[in-house]
Amino acid sequence: MASDDEGGGLDLFQEPEGYYQPEKPPTYATHKLLSGEEMRVRMVGFNPLW
């Protein structure tokens, strides 16, 4: 019987290196208010249908 301390191959849920795409840089949108002032907004989230 194997010892519990060996840990041989117990990383079942470990993703391989490079499995996920690198995080993309943030995107921004600029909105002009009724007062004429511009507001820069950082966009968050992602939806493949957009």
C-alpha atoms as a PDB file:
ATOM      1  CA  MET A   1       0.000   0.000   0.000  1.00  0.00           C
ATOM      2  CA  ALA A   2       1.375   3.441  -0.908  1.00  0.00           C
ATOM      3  CA  SER A   3       1.976   6.068   1.722  1.00  0.00           C
ATOM      4  CA  ASP A   4      -0.220   9.198   1.716  1.00  0.00           C
ATOM      5  CA  ASP A   5       2.922  11.340   1.906  1.00  0.00           C
ATOM      6  CA  GLU A   6       4.097  10.323  -1.567  1.00  0.00           C
ATOM      7  CA  GLY A   7       1.466  12.363  -3.427  1.00  0.00           C
ATOM      8  CA  GLY A   8       2.242  10.534  -6.643  1.00  0.00           C
ATOM      9  CA  GLY A   9       0.041  12.132  -9.304  1.00  0.00           C
ATOM     10  CA  LEU A  10      -2.593  13.636  -7.032  1.00  0.00           C
ATOM     11  CA  ASP A  11      -2.694  16.897  -9.001  1.00  0.00           C
ATOM     12  CA  LEU A  12      -5.703  15.712 -11.017  1.00  0.00           C
ATOM     13  CA  PHE A  13      -7.218  19.179 -11.323  1.00  0.00           C
ATOM     14  CA  GLN A  14      -4.002  21.012 -12.227  1.00  0.00           C
ATOM     15  CA  GLU A  15      -4.212  22.629 -15.693  1.00  0.00           C
ATOM     16  CA  PRO A  16      -1.123  22.329 -17.891  1.00  0.00           C
ATOM     17  CA  GLU A  17       1.095  25.380 -18.470  1.00  0.00           C
ATOM     18  CA  GLY A  18      -0.404  27.615 -21.175  1.00  0.00           C
ATOM     19  CA  TYR A  19      -3.876  26.035 -20.909  1.00  0.00           C
ATOM     20  CA  TYR A  20      -5.634  29.355 -20.323  1.00  0.00           C
ATOM     21  CA  GLN A  21      -5.222  32.347 -22.616  1.00  0.00           C
ATOM     22  CA  PRO A  22      -3.281  35.234 -21.066  1.00  0.00           C
ATOM     23  CA  GLU A  23      -5.373  37.991 -19.528  1.00  0.00           C
ATOM     24  CA  LYS A  24      -6.224  40.691 -22.060  1.00  0.00           C
ATOM     25  CA  PRO A  25      -5.475  44.342 -21.332  1.00  0.00           C
ATOM     26  CA  PRO A  26      -8.485  46.359 -20.106  1.00  0.00           C
ATOM     27  CA  THR A  27     -10.589  48.309 -22.584  1.00  0.00           C
ATOM     28  CA  TYR A  28     -12.058  51.741 -22.024  1.00  0.00           C
ATOM     29  CA  ALA A  29     -15.023  53.676 -23.385  1.00  0.00           C
ATOM     30  CA  THR A  30     -15.473  57.444 -23.360  1.00  0.00           C
ATOM     31  CA  HIS A  31     -18.903  58.956 -22.769  1.00  0.00           C
ATOM     32  CA  LYS A  32     -19.808  62.606 -23.160  1.00  0.00           C
ATOM     33  CA  LEU A  33     -22.130  63.923 -20.458  1.00  0.00           C
ATOM     34  CA  LEU A  34     -24.869  66.507 -21.021  1.00  0.00           C
ATOM     35  CA  SER A  35     -22.640  69.060 -19.295  1.00  0.00           C
ATOM     36  CA  GLY A  36     -20.045  68.525 -22.039  1.00  0.00           C
ATOM     37  CA  GLU A  37     -17.616  66.781 -19.714  1.00  0.00           C
ATOM     38  CA  GLU A  38     -16.124  63.493 -20.904  1.00  0.00           C
ATOM     39  CA  MET A  39     -16.052  60.452 -18.644  1.00  0.00           C
ATOM     40  CA  ARG A  40     -13.680  57.536 -19.281  1.00  0.00           C
ATOM     41  CA  VAL A  41     -15.097  54.187 -18.158  1.00  0.00           C
ATOM     42  CA  ARG A  42     -13.157  50.939 -17.794  1.00  0.00           C
ATOM     43  CA  MET A  43     -15.095  48.066 -19.321  1.00  0.00           C
ATOM     44  CA  VAL A  44     -15.285  44.873 -17.251  1.00  0.00           C
ATOM     45  CA  GLY A  45     -16.462  41.388 -18.043  1.00  0.00           C
ATOM     46  CA  PHE A  46     -16.592  39.395 -21.246  1.00  0.00           C
ATOM     47  CA  ASN A  47     -19.336  37.707 -23.196  1.00  0.00           C
ATOM     48  CA  PRO A  48     -18.577  35.779 -26.407  1.00  0.00           C
ATOM     49  CA  LEU A  49     -21.935  36.890 -27.855  1.00  0.00           C
ATOM     50  CA  TRP A  50     -21.006  40.596 -27.852  1.00  0.00           C
END
